[in-house]
Amino acid sequence: DRDRLGESVPFLLVCRKMLECSRFSDAVKVLLNAERSLSYNIMLAGEGVVVDLEAHPGDVSFIYPNDGVLAHTNHFVGERAQSIKDNFVLSEANSIHRYIIANEKLASTDAHSFESIKEILTDHFDHPLSICHHPNPEKNRDHWEETVSSLFMVPEKRLFKCTAGPPCSNNYQTYSF
């Protein structure tokens, strides 16, 4: 309920500035100091550390791994956002079960591989409103939503795999950086 149109630093410019940082703490500082009029979420990882930064106008929630597991979907879960009326989840309640499924599947094993993560990213529980999201024929075509890309990163190997479209029907391409 705090999102509004107004002067702020565009999300993609914040991301770009964070990517230019050589230190993890400097990347966090970029996000903390960015003027925001809209909410967004960034999962930031470095060597042996990961945090989810749930940013909204006026504040940022820090979400840390729970027993080595960290997943996020499209609704607020951070402590600092508890006073916010989450208008998104009121219309897109599927974010809740996607969050639960992702966290439960991640927690179900100690070691993950590309294949085990891919299994999560292609999950179709409550299709079409699943983790692997597809157009909902019950909605007007102008309001269809779909997973446009699926991303799997291995920072220590400096590579990532991504799809152009839903991961259930598109192959992952590997890129190095």
N, C-alpha and C. Protein backbone atom coordinates (compact mmCIF):
# COMPACT_ATOMS: atom_id res chain seq x y z
N ASP A 1 0.81 -1.20 0.00
CA ASP A 1 0.00 0.00 0.00
C ASP A 1 0.86 1.27 0.00
N ARG A 2 2.18 1.12 0.04
CA ARG A 2 3.07 2.29 0.02
C ARG A 2 3.62 2.59 -1.37
N ASP A 3 3.43 1.65 -2.31
CA ASP A 3 3.91 1.87 -3.68
C ASP A 3 3.16 3.04 -4.30
N ARG A 4 3.89 3.85 -5.04
CA ARG A 4 3.29 5.00 -5.71
C ARG A 4 4.18 5.40 -6.87
N LEU A 5 3.60 6.10 -7.81
CA LEU A 5 4.42 6.67 -8.87
C LEU A 5 5.07 7.92 -8.32
N GLY A 6 6.33 8.10 -8.62
CA GLY A 6 7.03 9.26 -8.12
C GLY A 6 8.50 9.20 -8.48
N GLU A 7 9.23 10.21 -8.06
CA GLU A 7 10.65 10.25 -8.36
C GLU A 7 11.37 9.19 -7.54
N SER A 8 12.16 8.39 -8.23
CA SER A 8 12.96 7.38 -7.57
C SER A 8 13.98 6.85 -8.55
N VAL A 9 14.93 6.09 -8.04
CA VAL A 9 15.93 5.47 -8.91
C VAL A 9 15.31 4.21 -9.49
N PRO A 10 15.27 4.07 -10.83
CA PRO A 10 14.69 2.86 -11.43
C PRO A 10 15.37 1.59 -10.94
N PHE A 11 14.57 0.56 -10.74
CA PHE A 11 15.03 -0.73 -10.23
C PHE A 11 16.23 -1.26 -11.00
N LEU A 12 16.18 -1.25 -12.31
CA LEU A 12 17.28 -1.81 -13.10
C LEU A 12 18.58 -1.02 -12.94
N LEU A 13 18.47 0.28 -12.69
CA LEU A 13 19.69 1.06 -12.44
C LEU A 13 20.28 0.72 -11.07
N VAL A 14 19.42 0.45 -10.10
CA VAL A 14 19.90 0.00 -8.79
C VAL A 14 20.64 -1.33 -8.95
N CYS A 15 20.04 -2.25 -9.71
CA CYS A 15 20.68 -3.55 -9.96
C CYS A 15 22.03 -3.37 -10.63
N ARG A 16 22.07 -2.51 -11.64
CA ARG A 16 23.33 -2.29 -12.38
C ARG A 16 24.41 -1.74 -11.45
N LYS A 17 24.04 -0.78 -10.62
CA LYS A 17 24.99 -0.18 -9.68
C LYS A 17 25.48 -1.23 -8.67
N MET A 18 24.58 -2.10 -8.23
CA MET A 18 24.98 -3.16 -7.30
C MET A 18 25.96 -4.12 -7.96
N LEU A 19 25.73 -4.45 -9.23
CA LEU A 19 26.62 -5.36 -9.96
C LEU A 19 28.02 -4.78 -10.15
N GLU A 20 28.12 -3.46 -10.15
CA GLU A 20 29.42 -2.80 -10.32
C GLU A 20 30.25 -2.81 -9.04
N CYS A 21 29.64 -3.15 -7.93
CA CYS A 21 30.34 -3.14 -6.64
C CYS A 21 31.28 -4.34 -6.52
N SER A 22 32.46 -4.08 -5.96
CA SER A 22 33.41 -5.17 -5.76
C SER A 22 33.25 -5.82 -4.38
N ARG A 23 32.52 -5.17 -3.49
CA ARG A 23 32.29 -5.71 -2.15
C ARG A 23 30.79 -5.95 -1.93
N PHE A 24 30.49 -7.03 -1.25
CA PHE A 24 29.12 -7.38 -0.90
C PHE A 24 28.46 -6.24 -0.13
N SER A 25 29.16 -5.73 0.88
CA SER A 25 28.60 -4.67 1.72
C SER A 25 28.31 -3.40 0.92
N ASP A 26 29.13 -3.11 -0.09
CA ASP A 26 28.87 -1.94 -0.93
C ASP A 26 27.61 -2.13 -1.77
N ALA A 27 27.38 -3.35 -2.23
CA ALA A 27 26.17 -3.64 -3.01
C ALA A 27 24.92 -3.46 -2.13
N VAL A 28 25.00 -3.92 -0.89
CA VAL A 28 23.88 -3.74 0.04
C VAL A 28 23.64 -2.26 0.28
N LYS A 29 24.73 -1.51 0.44
CA LYS A 29 24.63 -0.07 0.69
C LYS A 29 23.94 0.65 -0.47
N VAL A 30 24.21 0.23 -1.70
CA VAL A 30 23.55 0.84 -2.87
C VAL A 30 22.04 0.70 -2.73
N LEU A 31 21.59 -0.50 -2.40
CA LEU A 31 20.15 -0.73 -2.27
C LEU A 31 19.57 0.07 -1.10
N LEU A 32 20.27 0.07 0.03
CA LEU A 32 19.77 0.79 1.20
C LEU A 32 19.61 2.28 0.95
N ASN A 33 20.49 2.84 0.14
CA ASN A 33 20.47 4.28 -0.10
C ASN A 33 19.67 4.70 -1.32
N ALA A 34 19.13 3.75 -2.07
CA ALA A 34 18.35 4.09 -3.27
C ALA A 34 16.98 4.62 -2.87
N GLU A 35 16.60 5.71 -3.48
CA GLU A 35 15.26 6.27 -3.27
C GLU A 35 14.26 5.40 -4.03
N ARG A 36 13.26 4.87 -3.30
CA ARG A 36 12.28 3.96 -3.91
C ARG A 36 10.87 4.52 -3.80
N SER A 37 10.11 4.40 -4.89
CA SER A 37 8.68 4.69 -4.83
C SER A 37 7.87 3.41 -5.03
N LEU A 38 8.56 2.34 -5.45
CA LEU A 38 7.92 1.04 -5.68
C LEU A 38 8.70 -0.05 -4.94
N SER A 39 8.02 -1.11 -4.60
CA SER A 39 8.65 -2.25 -3.91
C SER A 39 9.32 -3.17 -4.90
N TYR A 40 10.40 -3.79 -4.46
CA TYR A 40 11.06 -4.82 -5.26
C TYR A 40 11.88 -5.71 -4.35
N ASN A 41 12.32 -6.82 -4.91
CA ASN A 41 13.04 -7.82 -4.14
C ASN A 41 14.33 -8.20 -4.87
N ILE A 42 15.41 -8.31 -4.12
CA ILE A 42 16.69 -8.72 -4.69
C ILE A 42 17.31 -9.77 -3.77
N MET A 43 17.69 -10.90 -4.35
CA MET A 43 18.44 -11.90 -3.60
C MET A 43 19.90 -11.69 -3.96
N LEU A 44 20.72 -11.44 -2.97
CA LEU A 44 22.12 -11.10 -3.19
C LEU A 44 23.00 -12.19 -2.57
N ALA A 45 23.95 -12.68 -3.34
CA ALA A 45 24.84 -13.74 -2.85
C ALA A 45 26.28 -13.38 -3.14
N GLY A 46 27.15 -13.78 -2.24
CA GLY A 46 28.58 -13.65 -2.41
C GLY A 46 29.21 -14.95 -1.95
N GLU A 47 30.51 -14.95 -1.80
CA GLU A 47 31.20 -16.17 -1.38
C GLU A 47 30.73 -16.59 0.01
N GLY A 48 29.89 -17.62 0.06
CA GLY A 48 29.44 -18.18 1.33
C GLY A 48 28.38 -17.40 2.06
N VAL A 49 27.80 -16.38 1.45
CA VAL A 49 26.76 -15.59 2.12
C VAL A 49 25.64 -15.27 1.13
N VAL A 50 24.42 -15.29 1.65
CA VAL A 50 23.27 -14.93 0.83
C VAL A 50 22.25 -14.21 1.72
N VAL A 51 21.59 -13.22 1.16
CA VAL A 51 20.54 -12.49 1.87
C VAL A 51 19.50 -12.07 0.84
N ASP A 52 18.26 -12.03 1.27
CA ASP A 52 17.19 -11.54 0.43
C ASP A 52 16.84 -10.14 0.93
N LEU A 53 16.86 -9.18 0.03
CA LEU A 53 16.59 -7.79 0.38
C LEU A 53 15.22 -7.43 -0.17
N GLU A 54 14.26 -7.30 0.71
CA GLU A 54 12.88 -7.00 0.34
C GLU A 54 12.70 -5.49 0.52
N ALA A 55 12.82 -4.76 -0.57
CA ALA A 55 12.83 -3.30 -0.52
C ALA A 55 11.45 -2.74 -0.81
N HIS A 56 11.07 -1.76 -0.02
CA HIS A 56 9.81 -1.06 -0.24
C HIS A 56 10.04 0.40 0.10
N PRO A 57 9.17 1.30 -0.33
CA PRO A 57 9.39 2.71 -0.04
C PRO A 57 9.60 2.95 1.46
N GLY A 58 10.75 3.50 1.79
CA GLY A 58 11.03 3.85 3.17
C GLY A 58 11.81 2.85 3.99
N ASP A 59 11.96 1.62 3.53
CA ASP A 59 12.66 0.64 4.36
C ASP A 59 13.05 -0.59 3.54
N VAL A 60 13.84 -1.46 4.17
CA VAL A 60 14.27 -2.73 3.56
C VAL A 60 14.21 -3.80 4.64
N SER A 61 13.63 -4.94 4.31
CA SER A 61 13.67 -6.11 5.20
C SER A 61 14.80 -7.01 4.76
N PHE A 62 15.53 -7.57 5.73
CA PHE A 62 16.61 -8.51 5.44
C PHE A 62 16.11 -9.90 5.80
N ILE A 63 16.12 -10.79 4.83
CA ILE A 63 15.65 -12.15 5.06
C ILE A 63 16.85 -13.07 4.90
N TYR A 64 17.13 -13.83 5.94
CA TYR A 64 18.32 -14.67 5.97
C TYR A 64 17.93 -16.13 5.78
N PRO A 65 18.87 -16.95 5.35
CA PRO A 65 18.58 -18.38 5.20
C PRO A 65 18.15 -19.01 6.53
N ASN A 66 17.25 -19.95 6.44
CA ASN A 66 16.81 -20.73 7.59
C ASN A 66 17.32 -22.15 7.39
N ASP A 67 18.29 -22.56 8.18
CA ASP A 67 18.93 -23.88 8.01
C ASP A 67 19.48 -24.04 6.60
N GLY A 68 20.06 -22.97 6.06
CA GLY A 68 20.67 -23.03 4.73
C GLY A 68 19.71 -22.87 3.58
N VAL A 69 18.44 -22.59 3.86
CA VAL A 69 17.42 -22.49 2.81
C VAL A 69 16.92 -21.06 2.72
N LEU A 70 16.84 -20.54 1.49
CA LEU A 70 16.30 -19.21 1.26
C LEU A 70 15.60 -19.18 -0.09
N ALA A 71 14.32 -18.92 -0.06
CA ALA A 71 13.53 -18.77 -1.28
C ALA A 71 12.60 -17.58 -1.08
N HIS A 72 12.19 -16.97 -2.17
CA HIS A 72 11.28 -15.83 -2.10
C HIS A 72 10.38 -15.86 -3.32
N THR A 73 9.14 -15.43 -3.14
CA THR A 73 8.22 -15.30 -4.27
C THR A 73 7.78 -13.84 -4.34
N ASN A 74 6.52 -13.56 -4.56
CA ASN A 74 6.11 -12.19 -4.87
C ASN A 74 5.31 -11.49 -3.78
N HIS A 75 5.38 -11.95 -2.55
CA HIS A 75 4.68 -11.25 -1.48
C HIS A 75 5.68 -10.96 -0.35
N PHE A 76 5.30 -10.00 0.49
CA PHE A 76 6.17 -9.62 1.60
C PHE A 76 6.21 -10.72 2.66
N VAL A 77 7.41 -11.05 3.12
CA VAL A 77 7.58 -11.98 4.24
C VAL A 77 8.49 -11.41 5.32
N GLY A 78 9.18 -10.33 5.03
CA GLY A 78 10.13 -9.74 5.97
C GLY A 78 9.46 -9.04 7.13
N GLU A 79 10.14 -9.04 8.27
CA GLU A 79 9.60 -8.44 9.49
C GLU A 79 9.28 -6.96 9.33
N ARG A 80 10.13 -6.24 8.63
CA ARG A 80 9.93 -4.80 8.50
C ARG A 80 8.76 -4.44 7.59
N ALA A 81 8.25 -5.42 6.86
CA ALA A 81 7.13 -5.17 5.95
C ALA A 81 5.79 -5.59 6.55
N GLN A 82 5.79 -6.05 7.79
CA GLN A 82 4.55 -6.57 8.38
C GLN A 82 3.46 -5.51 8.52
N SER A 83 3.83 -4.24 8.60
CA SER A 83 2.82 -3.19 8.72
C SER A 83 2.28 -2.75 7.36
N ILE A 84 2.81 -3.32 6.29
CA ILE A 84 2.38 -2.95 4.94
C ILE A 84 1.20 -3.82 4.52
N LYS A 85 0.19 -3.19 3.94
CA LYS A 85 -0.90 -3.95 3.34
C LYS A 85 -0.40 -4.42 1.98
N ASP A 86 -0.24 -5.73 1.83
CA ASP A 86 0.32 -6.30 0.60
C ASP A 86 -0.79 -6.47 -0.43
N ASN A 87 -1.01 -5.45 -1.25
CA ASN A 87 -2.07 -5.48 -2.25
C ASN A 87 -1.84 -6.54 -3.31
N PHE A 88 -0.58 -6.85 -3.59
CA PHE A 88 -0.29 -7.85 -4.62
C PHE A 88 -0.85 -9.21 -4.23
N VAL A 89 -0.57 -9.64 -3.02
CA VAL A 89 -0.99 -10.98 -2.61
C VAL A 89 -2.51 -11.09 -2.50
N LEU A 90 -3.19 -9.97 -2.33
CA LEU A 90 -4.66 -10.00 -2.30
C LEU A 90 -5.24 -10.46 -3.63
N SER A 91 -4.55 -10.12 -4.72
CA SER A 91 -5.04 -10.53 -6.05
C SER A 91 -4.28 -11.73 -6.60
N GLU A 92 -3.10 -12.00 -6.09
CA GLU A 92 -2.26 -13.10 -6.58
C GLU A 92 -1.85 -14.00 -5.41
N ALA A 93 -2.83 -14.62 -4.79
CA ALA A 93 -2.57 -15.44 -3.60
C ALA A 93 -1.69 -16.65 -3.90
N ASN A 94 -1.51 -16.99 -5.18
CA ASN A 94 -0.65 -18.12 -5.54
C ASN A 94 0.79 -17.92 -5.09
N SER A 95 1.18 -16.69 -4.82
CA SER A 95 2.53 -16.42 -4.32
C SER A 95 2.78 -17.17 -3.01
N ILE A 96 1.73 -17.35 -2.22
CA ILE A 96 1.87 -18.01 -0.92
C ILE A 96 2.23 -19.49 -1.09
N HIS A 97 1.48 -20.22 -1.90
CA HIS A 97 1.81 -21.65 -2.03
C HIS A 97 3.11 -21.85 -2.81
N ARG A 98 3.45 -20.96 -3.73
CA ARG A 98 4.73 -21.07 -4.42
C ARG A 98 5.88 -20.90 -3.44
N TYR A 99 5.75 -19.98 -2.50
CA TYR A 99 6.75 -19.75 -1.46
C TYR A 99 6.91 -20.99 -0.57
N ILE A 100 5.79 -21.55 -0.15
CA ILE A 100 5.83 -22.74 0.72
C ILE A 100 6.47 -23.91 -0.01
N ILE A 101 6.05 -24.17 -1.24
CA ILE A 101 6.58 -25.30 -2.01
C ILE A 101 8.08 -25.15 -2.23
N ALA A 102 8.52 -23.96 -2.65
CA ALA A 102 9.95 -23.75 -2.90
C ALA A 102 10.77 -23.99 -1.64
N ASN A 103 10.34 -23.43 -0.52
CA ASN A 103 11.08 -23.60 0.74
C ASN A 103 11.07 -25.04 1.21
N GLU A 104 9.92 -25.71 1.12
CA GLU A 104 9.86 -27.11 1.56
C GLU A 104 10.73 -28.02 0.69
N LYS A 105 10.70 -27.81 -0.62
CA LYS A 105 11.52 -28.65 -1.50
C LYS A 105 13.01 -28.37 -1.30
N LEU A 106 13.37 -27.11 -1.07
CA LEU A 106 14.77 -26.80 -0.81
C LEU A 106 15.24 -27.43 0.50
N ALA A 107 14.37 -27.43 1.50
CA ALA A 107 14.73 -27.97 2.81
C ALA A 107 14.72 -29.49 2.86
N SER A 108 14.15 -30.13 1.85
CA SER A 108 13.99 -31.59 1.90
C SER A 108 15.28 -32.37 1.65
N THR A 109 16.33 -31.69 1.24
CA THR A 109 17.61 -32.37 1.02
C THR A 109 18.76 -31.44 1.38
N ASP A 110 19.88 -32.03 1.76
CA ASP A 110 21.04 -31.23 2.15
C ASP A 110 21.87 -30.79 0.96
N ALA A 111 21.84 -31.55 -0.11
CA ALA A 111 22.67 -31.24 -1.28
C ALA A 111 21.77 -31.07 -2.50
N HIS A 112 22.01 -30.00 -3.21
CA HIS A 112 21.22 -29.74 -4.41
C HIS A 112 22.10 -29.75 -5.64
N SER A 113 21.49 -30.07 -6.74
CA SER A 113 22.15 -30.07 -8.04
C SER A 113 21.30 -29.22 -8.97
N PHE A 114 21.81 -29.00 -10.16
CA PHE A 114 21.02 -28.30 -11.16
C PHE A 114 19.69 -29.02 -11.37
N GLU A 115 19.71 -30.34 -11.43
CA GLU A 115 18.48 -31.11 -11.67
C GLU A 115 17.47 -30.95 -10.54
N SER A 116 17.94 -30.93 -9.29
CA SER A 116 16.99 -30.79 -8.17
C SER A 116 16.39 -29.39 -8.12
N ILE A 117 17.19 -28.39 -8.47
CA ILE A 117 16.66 -27.02 -8.52
C ILE A 117 15.71 -26.88 -9.70
N LYS A 118 16.06 -27.47 -10.82
CA LYS A 118 15.18 -27.44 -12.00
C LYS A 118 13.83 -28.06 -11.67
N GLU A 119 13.83 -29.13 -10.88
CA GLU A 119 12.57 -29.76 -10.48
C GLU A 119 11.68 -28.77 -9.73
N ILE A 120 12.28 -27.95 -8.88
CA ILE A 120 11.51 -26.94 -8.15
C ILE A 120 11.00 -25.87 -9.12
N LEU A 121 11.87 -25.41 -10.00
CA LEU A 121 11.50 -24.33 -10.92
C LEU A 121 10.48 -24.75 -11.97
N THR A 122 10.31 -26.05 -12.16
CA THR A 122 9.31 -26.54 -13.12
C THR A 122 8.07 -27.11 -12.41
N ASP A 123 7.94 -26.87 -11.12
CA ASP A 123 6.81 -27.38 -10.35
C ASP A 123 5.49 -26.82 -10.90
N HIS A 124 4.49 -27.69 -11.02
CA HIS A 124 3.20 -27.28 -11.58
C HIS A 124 2.03 -27.45 -10.61
N PHE A 125 2.29 -27.49 -9.30
CA PHE A 125 1.19 -27.54 -8.35
C PHE A 125 0.30 -26.31 -8.55
N ASP A 126 -1.00 -26.52 -8.65
CA ASP A 126 -2.00 -25.46 -8.84
C ASP A 126 -1.86 -24.78 -10.21
N HIS A 127 -1.41 -25.55 -11.19
CA HIS A 127 -1.28 -25.06 -12.58
C HIS A 127 -2.57 -24.38 -13.00
N PRO A 128 -2.52 -23.25 -13.66
CA PRO A 128 -1.36 -22.57 -14.23
C PRO A 128 -0.69 -21.58 -13.28
N LEU A 129 -1.18 -21.50 -12.04
CA LEU A 129 -0.67 -20.52 -11.07
C LEU A 129 0.43 -21.13 -10.21
N SER A 130 1.31 -21.84 -10.85
CA SER A 130 2.36 -22.62 -10.19
C SER A 130 3.69 -21.87 -10.20
N ILE A 131 4.72 -22.48 -9.60
CA ILE A 131 6.06 -21.89 -9.68
C ILE A 131 6.42 -21.69 -11.14
N CYS A 132 6.24 -22.71 -11.95
CA CYS A 132 6.38 -22.59 -13.41
C CYS A 132 5.03 -22.07 -13.89
N HIS A 133 4.95 -20.76 -14.01
CA HIS A 133 3.68 -20.03 -14.20
C HIS A 133 3.28 -19.99 -15.67
N HIS A 134 2.01 -20.19 -15.92
CA HIS A 134 1.49 -20.19 -17.29
C HIS A 134 0.27 -19.28 -17.39
N PRO A 135 -0.08 -18.85 -18.61
CA PRO A 135 -1.27 -17.99 -18.76
C PRO A 135 -2.52 -18.66 -18.17
N ASN A 136 -3.29 -17.87 -17.47
CA ASN A 136 -4.52 -18.36 -16.85
C ASN A 136 -5.69 -18.09 -17.80
N PRO A 137 -6.26 -19.13 -18.40
CA PRO A 137 -7.34 -18.92 -19.36
C PRO A 137 -8.60 -18.31 -18.74
N GLU A 138 -8.67 -18.28 -17.40
CA GLU A 138 -9.81 -17.65 -16.74
C GLU A 138 -9.70 -16.12 -16.74
N LYS A 139 -8.52 -15.61 -17.06
CA LYS A 139 -8.30 -14.17 -17.10
C LYS A 139 -8.38 -13.65 -18.53
N ASN A 140 -8.68 -12.38 -18.65
CA ASN A 140 -8.64 -11.71 -19.94
C ASN A 140 -7.23 -11.85 -20.50
N ARG A 141 -7.12 -12.12 -21.77
CA ARG A 141 -5.83 -12.34 -22.43
C ARG A 141 -4.83 -11.20 -22.17
N ASP A 142 -5.34 -9.99 -22.03
CA ASP A 142 -4.47 -8.83 -21.77
C ASP A 142 -3.81 -8.91 -20.39
N HIS A 143 -4.30 -9.78 -19.53
CA HIS A 143 -3.77 -9.90 -18.17
C HIS A 143 -3.09 -11.24 -17.91
N TRP A 144 -2.77 -11.93 -18.97
CA TRP A 144 -2.08 -13.20 -18.80
C TRP A 144 -0.67 -12.97 -18.28
N GLU A 145 -0.24 -13.87 -17.43
CA GLU A 145 1.11 -13.84 -16.87
C GLU A 145 1.76 -15.18 -17.13
N GLU A 146 3.09 -15.16 -17.24
CA GLU A 146 3.82 -16.39 -17.53
C GLU A 146 5.26 -16.24 -17.05
N THR A 147 5.86 -17.32 -16.65
CA THR A 147 7.29 -17.31 -16.35
C THR A 147 8.02 -17.00 -17.65
N VAL A 148 8.73 -15.89 -17.70
CA VAL A 148 9.41 -15.50 -18.94
C VAL A 148 10.84 -16.01 -19.00
N SER A 149 11.39 -16.37 -17.84
CA SER A 149 12.74 -16.92 -17.80
C SER A 149 12.95 -17.62 -16.47
N SER A 150 13.79 -18.61 -16.48
CA SER A 150 14.17 -19.33 -15.27
C SER A 150 15.68 -19.26 -15.18
N LEU A 151 16.20 -18.95 -14.00
CA LEU A 151 17.63 -18.69 -13.84
C LEU A 151 18.20 -19.55 -12.73
N PHE A 152 19.34 -20.14 -13.00
CA PHE A 152 20.08 -20.98 -12.05
C PHE A 152 21.52 -20.48 -12.08
N MET A 153 22.02 -20.00 -10.93
CA MET A 153 23.37 -19.44 -10.89
C MET A 153 24.28 -20.27 -10.00
N VAL A 154 25.55 -20.35 -10.41
CA VAL A 154 26.60 -20.98 -9.62
C VAL A 154 27.73 -19.94 -9.53
N PRO A 155 27.62 -19.00 -8.58
CA PRO A 155 28.59 -17.90 -8.51
C PRO A 155 30.04 -18.35 -8.39
N GLU A 156 30.31 -19.39 -7.59
CA GLU A 156 31.71 -19.82 -7.40
C GLU A 156 32.31 -20.38 -8.68
N LYS A 157 31.48 -20.83 -9.61
CA LYS A 157 31.98 -21.30 -10.91
C LYS A 157 31.80 -20.23 -11.99
N ARG A 158 31.24 -19.09 -11.58
CA ARG A 158 31.02 -17.96 -12.47
C ARG A 158 30.23 -18.37 -13.71
N LEU A 159 29.13 -19.08 -13.47
CA LEU A 159 28.26 -19.46 -14.58
C LEU A 159 26.80 -19.39 -14.17
N PHE A 160 25.96 -19.26 -15.16
CA PHE A 160 24.53 -19.34 -14.92
C PHE A 160 23.86 -20.01 -16.10
N LYS A 161 22.71 -20.57 -15.82
CA LYS A 161 21.90 -21.23 -16.83
C LYS A 161 20.55 -20.51 -16.82
N CYS A 162 20.01 -20.25 -18.00
CA CYS A 162 18.71 -19.61 -18.05
C CYS A 162 17.91 -20.08 -19.26
N THR A 163 16.61 -19.90 -19.14
CA THR A 163 15.70 -20.24 -20.23
C THR A 163 15.10 -18.96 -20.80
N ALA A 164 14.65 -19.04 -22.02
CA ALA A 164 13.84 -17.98 -22.63
C ALA A 164 12.42 -18.53 -22.64
N GLY A 165 11.69 -18.29 -21.58
CA GLY A 165 10.34 -18.82 -21.44
C GLY A 165 10.27 -19.80 -20.28
N PRO A 166 9.10 -20.40 -20.08
CA PRO A 166 8.92 -21.33 -18.96
C PRO A 166 9.92 -22.49 -19.01
N PRO A 167 10.49 -22.87 -17.87
CA PRO A 167 11.50 -23.93 -17.87
C PRO A 167 10.96 -25.31 -18.21
N CYS A 168 9.66 -25.51 -18.11
CA CYS A 168 9.10 -26.83 -18.44
C CYS A 168 9.12 -27.10 -19.94
N SER A 169 9.21 -26.04 -20.74
CA SER A 169 9.14 -26.22 -22.19
C SER A 169 10.30 -25.56 -22.94
N ASN A 170 11.31 -25.11 -22.22
CA ASN A 170 12.47 -24.46 -22.84
C ASN A 170 13.75 -25.00 -22.23
N ASN A 171 14.76 -25.18 -23.04
CA ASN A 171 16.05 -25.67 -22.57
C ASN A 171 16.83 -24.57 -21.89
N TYR A 172 17.61 -24.95 -20.90
CA TYR A 172 18.52 -24.02 -20.24
C TYR A 172 19.76 -23.85 -21.10
N GLN A 173 20.17 -22.61 -21.29
CA GLN A 173 21.42 -22.29 -21.97
C GLN A 173 22.42 -21.88 -20.89
N THR A 174 23.67 -22.29 -21.04
CA THR A 174 24.70 -22.00 -20.05
C THR A 174 25.55 -20.83 -20.51
N TYR A 175 25.82 -19.91 -19.58
CA TYR A 175 26.65 -18.74 -19.84
C TYR A 175 27.69 -18.63 -18.73
N SER A 176 28.85 -18.11 -19.07
CA SER A 176 29.86 -17.87 -18.05
C SER A 176 30.11 -16.38 -17.95
N PHE A 177 30.56 -15.96 -16.78
CA PHE A 177 30.84 -14.53 -16.56
C PHE A 177 32.08 -14.37 -15.73
